[in-house]
Protein backbone atom coordinates (compact mmCIF):
# COMPACT_ATOMS: atom_id res chain seq x y z
CA MET A 1 19.09 -9.26 128.81
CA LYS A 2 22.12 -9.36 127.15
CA LEU A 3 23.75 -7.42 123.72
CA PHE A 4 26.05 -8.76 121.59
CA PHE A 5 27.67 -5.84 119.38
CA PRO A 6 30.76 -6.44 116.76
CA ASP A 7 34.07 -5.11 117.69
CA ASN A 8 34.48 -1.82 115.53
CA ILE A 9 34.65 1.99 116.46
CA TYR A 10 31.11 2.77 114.97
CA SER A 11 29.30 0.02 117.28
CA LYS A 12 31.48 1.52 120.21
CA LEU A 13 30.29 5.07 119.42
CA LEU A 14 26.80 3.47 119.83
CA ALA A 15 27.20 1.63 122.66
CA ASP A 16 29.21 4.57 124.64
CA HIS A 17 25.70 6.38 124.18
CA LEU A 18 23.47 3.98 125.32
CA PRO A 19 21.56 4.02 129.05
CA GLU A 20 23.88 2.67 131.36
CA ILE A 21 21.85 -0.52 132.22
CA LEU A 22 22.22 -1.61 128.59
CA LYS A 23 25.95 -0.68 128.63
CA GLN A 24 26.55 -3.21 131.50
CA ASN A 25 24.94 -6.18 129.40
CA ILE A 26 27.00 -5.93 126.17
CA SER A 27 29.65 -8.40 124.97
CA VAL A 28 31.74 -7.59 122.35
CA ILE A 29 32.49 -10.58 120.06
CA PRO A 30 33.09 -11.35 116.28
CA SER A 31 30.18 -10.37 114.07
CA SER A 32 30.02 -14.04 112.79
CA ALA A 33 29.26 -15.32 115.65
CA ILE A 34 26.45 -12.82 116.85
CA PRO A 35 23.55 -14.67 114.93
CA SER A 36 24.53 -17.92 116.65
CA GLU A 37 24.48 -16.11 120.24
CA LEU A 38 21.19 -14.89 119.77
CA ARG A 39 19.85 -18.14 119.26
CA LYS A 40 21.43 -19.82 122.36
CA ASP A 41 19.70 -17.34 124.13
CA SER A 42 16.43 -15.79 122.98
CA SER A 43 16.22 -13.32 125.36
CA SER A 44 19.07 -11.48 123.90
CA ALA A 45 19.60 -9.13 121.06
CA GLY A 46 22.67 -7.76 118.96
CA LEU A 47 23.71 -6.23 116.08
CA ILE A 48 23.80 -8.41 113.22
CA THR A 49 24.50 -8.23 109.30
CA PRO A 50 21.61 -8.00 106.83
CA THR A 51 22.83 -10.97 105.12
CA ASP A 52 22.45 -12.87 108.28
CA ILE A 53 18.81 -12.83 107.70
CA LEU A 54 18.99 -15.23 105.00
CA SER A 55 19.70 -17.96 107.50
CA ALA A 56 17.78 -16.52 110.20
CA GLU A 57 14.21 -15.29 108.82
CA ASP A 58 12.65 -15.78 112.22
CA LEU A 59 14.44 -12.87 114.07
CA PHE A 60 12.91 -9.80 114.29
CA ILE A 61 14.70 -6.83 113.09
CA SER A 62 14.54 -3.09 114.55
CA SER A 63 12.97 -0.79 111.84
CA LYS A 64 14.47 2.07 113.86
CA MET A 65 17.91 1.60 115.05
CA GLY A 66 21.34 -0.05 113.23
CA ILE A 67 24.38 1.24 111.67
CA SER A 68 23.89 2.65 108.10
CA PHE A 69 26.39 4.30 105.61
CA GLU A 70 25.92 7.25 103.18
CA GLY A 71 29.21 8.09 102.23
CA ILE A 72 33.18 7.98 103.06
CA LEU A 73 32.93 6.61 106.30
CA SER A 74 32.81 2.70 106.61
CA ASN A 75 33.54 -0.21 108.53
CA SER A 76 35.39 -1.81 105.36
CA TYR A 77 37.92 -0.93 102.81
CA LEU A 78 39.13 -2.18 99.92
CA TYR A 79 42.83 -2.24 99.01
CA PHE A 80 43.66 -2.98 95.47
CA TYR A 81 47.33 -4.30 94.55
CA PRO A 82 48.81 -1.62 92.23
CA GLY A 83 48.94 -2.36 88.29
CA GLN A 84 46.44 -5.32 88.35
CA LYS A 85 43.78 -5.18 85.77
CA ASP A 86 42.41 -8.54 86.06
CA PHE A 87 40.76 -10.22 89.34
CA ASP A 88 40.21 -13.94 90.17
CA THR A 89 40.47 -13.59 93.97
CA VAL A 90 39.61 -11.31 96.71
CA SER A 91 41.26 -11.64 99.94
CA LEU A 92 38.99 -10.93 103.21
CA TYR A 93 40.56 -9.73 106.45
CA GLY A 94 39.37 -8.68 109.78
CA ASP A 95 36.45 -8.94 111.48
CA ILE A 96 34.38 -10.89 108.44
CA SER A 97 30.89 -11.91 108.12
CA SER A 98 28.32 -13.33 105.89
CA LEU A 99 27.76 -9.79 104.45
CA GLU A 100 31.41 -8.88 103.08
CA VAL A 101 31.77 -12.70 101.64
CA ILE A 102 28.65 -12.23 99.91
CA LEU A 103 29.24 -8.40 98.95
CA SER A 104 32.41 -8.89 97.84
CA LYS A 105 31.55 -11.46 95.06
CA LEU A 106 28.60 -9.31 94.06
CA PHE A 107 30.87 -6.10 93.73
CA PHE A 108 33.30 -7.43 91.54
CA LYS A 109 30.67 -9.34 89.50
CA GLU A 110 29.02 -6.03 88.78
CA ASN A 111 31.83 -3.56 88.55
CA TYR A 112 34.12 -5.92 86.74
CA ASN A 113 32.00 -8.51 85.26
CA THR A 114 34.55 -11.32 87.19
CA GLU A 115 33.55 -14.39 88.96
CA VAL A 116 36.03 -13.93 92.31
CA GLN A 117 36.99 -16.03 94.50
CA VAL A 118 37.04 -15.61 97.98
CA GLU A 119 39.68 -16.53 100.33
CA ILE A 120 39.89 -15.32 103.95
CA LEU A 121 43.17 -14.52 105.70
CA THR A 122 44.51 -14.93 109.01
CA ASP A 123 47.37 -12.97 108.79
CA ILE A 124 47.90 -9.70 107.17
CA LYS A 125 51.79 -9.34 106.85
CA ASN A 126 52.01 -11.09 103.46
CA THR A 127 49.64 -9.36 101.10
CA GLU A 128 51.97 -9.09 98.08
CA GLY A 129 49.79 -9.53 94.86
CA LYS A 130 46.49 -9.40 96.89
CA ASN A 131 43.38 -7.33 96.58
CA LEU A 132 42.14 -6.71 99.76
CA LEU A 133 38.86 -6.01 101.54
CA VAL A 134 39.60 -5.30 105.26
CA THR A 135 36.74 -5.03 107.75
CA GLY A 136 37.18 -3.55 111.37
CA LYS A 137 39.81 -1.95 113.45
CA THR A 138 42.67 -2.82 111.32
CA ASN A 139 41.65 -0.23 108.92
CA PHE A 140 42.21 2.39 111.35
CA SER A 141 45.91 0.99 112.73
CA SER A 142 48.53 3.11 111.31
CA PHE A 143 45.79 5.33 109.44
CA ARG A 144 45.81 2.38 107.04
CA TYR A 145 42.18 3.43 105.43
CA ASN A 146 44.02 6.46 103.86
CA ASP A 147 45.04 4.01 100.83
CA GLY A 148 41.72 2.32 100.87
CA ILE A 149 38.70 2.62 99.23
CA SER A 150 35.65 3.05 101.32
CA PHE A 151 33.28 -0.22 100.50
CA ALA A 152 30.30 1.43 102.42
CA GLU A 153 30.83 4.40 99.37
CA GLU A 154 30.91 1.89 96.58
CA MET A 155 28.12 -0.22 97.80
CA THR A 156 25.99 3.22 97.94
CA ASP A 157 26.79 3.86 94.62
CA MET A 158 25.98 0.26 93.33
CA LEU A 159 22.71 0.28 95.40
CA SER A 160 21.86 3.61 94.89
CA LEU A 161 20.61 3.59 98.60
CA PRO A 162 22.37 3.69 101.88
CA TYR A 163 24.45 0.94 102.64
CA VAL A 164 23.35 -0.81 106.18
CA ASN A 165 25.81 -2.74 107.64
CA PHE A 166 24.56 -3.56 110.95
CA ILE A 167 20.88 -3.74 112.29
CA LEU A 168 19.45 -4.82 115.88
CA ALA A 169 17.81 -7.92 115.93
CA SER A 170 16.30 -10.58 118.45
CA PHE A 171 14.54 -13.61 118.66
CA ASP A 172 12.05 -11.89 120.85
CA ARG A 173 9.85 -9.20 119.25
CA LYS A 174 8.95 -7.53 122.79
CA ILE A 175 12.88 -6.88 123.08
CA ILE A 176 13.10 -4.84 119.97
CA GLU A 177 9.87 -3.11 120.74
CA ASP A 178 11.64 -2.24 124.08
CA LEU A 179 14.93 -1.23 122.46
CA ASN A 180 13.15 0.90 119.75
CA LEU A 181 11.78 2.79 122.69
CA THR A 182 14.55 3.21 124.84
CA CYS A 183 17.24 4.07 122.30
CA SER A 184 15.08 6.55 120.21
CA GLY A 185 17.28 9.43 119.12
CA ILE A 186 20.60 8.06 119.69
CA GLY A 187 22.06 9.20 116.83
CA SER A 188 21.62 12.66 117.74
CA LYS A 189 23.41 12.04 121.09
CA VAL A 190 26.25 10.40 119.17
CA TYR A 191 26.51 13.47 116.67
CA ASP A 192 26.70 15.83 119.50
CA SER A 193 29.27 14.23 121.35
CA VAL A 194 31.45 13.92 117.93
CA GLU A 195 31.13 17.27 117.04
CA LYS A 196 31.94 18.41 120.47
CA ASN A 197 35.18 15.90 120.08
CA LEU A 198 34.10 13.71 123.26
CA PHE A 199 35.20 10.51 122.37
CA SER A 200 35.53 8.07 125.30
CA ASP A 201 38.01 5.90 123.24
CA ASP A 202 41.73 6.64 122.66
CA LEU A 203 41.25 7.30 119.13
CA ALA A 204 44.01 9.41 117.48
CA LEU A 205 43.33 13.13 116.50
CA GLU A 206 43.51 12.32 112.83
CA LEU A 207 40.94 9.48 113.49
CA ARG A 208 38.56 11.87 115.38
CA GLU A 209 39.06 14.58 113.03
CA TYR A 210 38.23 11.99 110.27
CA ILE A 211 34.90 10.96 111.93
CA ARG A 212 33.79 14.40 112.89
CA GLU A 213 34.18 15.62 109.31
CA ASN A 214 32.28 12.92 107.61
CA ILE A 215 29.75 11.88 110.43
CA ALA A 216 27.10 13.11 108.36
CA SER A 217 27.39 9.95 106.43
CA LEU A 218 26.85 7.73 109.32
CA VAL A 219 23.31 6.85 110.54
CA TYR A 220 22.26 5.14 113.39
CA ASP A 221 18.11 6.26 113.70
CA LEU A 222 17.06 4.13 110.71
CA GLU A 223 14.73 5.87 108.09
CA GLU A 224 12.77 4.78 105.25
CA GLN A 225 15.79 4.89 102.54
CA ASP A 226 17.76 2.80 105.18
CA ILE A 227 14.95 0.20 105.42
CA ASP A 228 14.91 0.41 101.43
CA GLY A 229 18.51 -0.48 101.76
CA ILE A 230 17.91 -3.69 104.07
CA HIS A 231 15.42 -5.00 101.62
CA GLN A 232 17.76 -4.28 98.52
CA LEU A 233 20.65 -5.80 100.30
CA ILE A 234 18.92 -9.21 101.12
CA ARG A 235 17.58 -9.71 97.72
CA LEU A 236 20.72 -9.18 96.01
CA PRO A 237 22.06 -12.79 96.46
CA TYR A 238 18.80 -14.11 95.04
CA PHE A 239 19.07 -11.55 92.14
CA TYR A 240 22.69 -13.10 91.60
CA GLY A 241 21.43 -16.77 91.94
CA LEU A 242 23.02 -17.04 95.35
CA VAL A 243 19.93 -18.05 97.23
CA ASP A 244 16.76 -20.13 96.00
CA ASN A 245 14.33 -17.69 97.83
CA ILE A 246 13.85 -14.00 98.75
CA ALA A 247 13.92 -13.57 102.42
CA GLU A 248 11.39 -11.22 104.08
CA PRO A 249 12.68 -9.17 107.34
CA LYS A 250 10.23 -9.29 110.00
CA LEU A 251 10.42 -5.41 110.69
CA VAL A 252 9.46 -3.98 113.92
């Protein structure tokens, strides 16, 4: 069985604590590519974003394991250009998926009553005058996140529910059932290692401390409120008129 994971520090933390037999089968690829890889190989599983369900309602979704945020820790950060009061465009950079494209539009509509255009950047060097939503590891290069706003925290406030960034999915129900059992309690293992400063990756001391101080806002073992968060996230595009039907996740 292949496992497809996005390339970020939170999925890496999760991968580090999986059973060895699962670790050996992980492929790290862009978030946007994972749904198509799952469709190519029905015996695989991967971490997708909730909005990926909108185009793949036949996926089975774990109700037990994912990556959910309830506070300042985030995989995406907002960087507003100083002095701007009006927003017409938001620029996305990094490991962009359907989630960031959809939610960036809804965020500005809800908070600023503005219909923004979305552009995807391939280079972050020239960002003069741009309002940015950066996703993935770039936020933690040179401690960029210190100048940003946690998108997870903003979405948690907007939803009044946890912000579920990634969910475990497969086109094979049995695979999700088996992974639910195999990975039960994985969050506690991650928390224990973080509290003991046992990071396998070469993370800078400041970033390790940032994660350790805020680890309570990171959830891997999904609970009822996280499931409610998934439902709310995939209903938002319907409520805002972006899709014609409400998607119903096939939770296992």
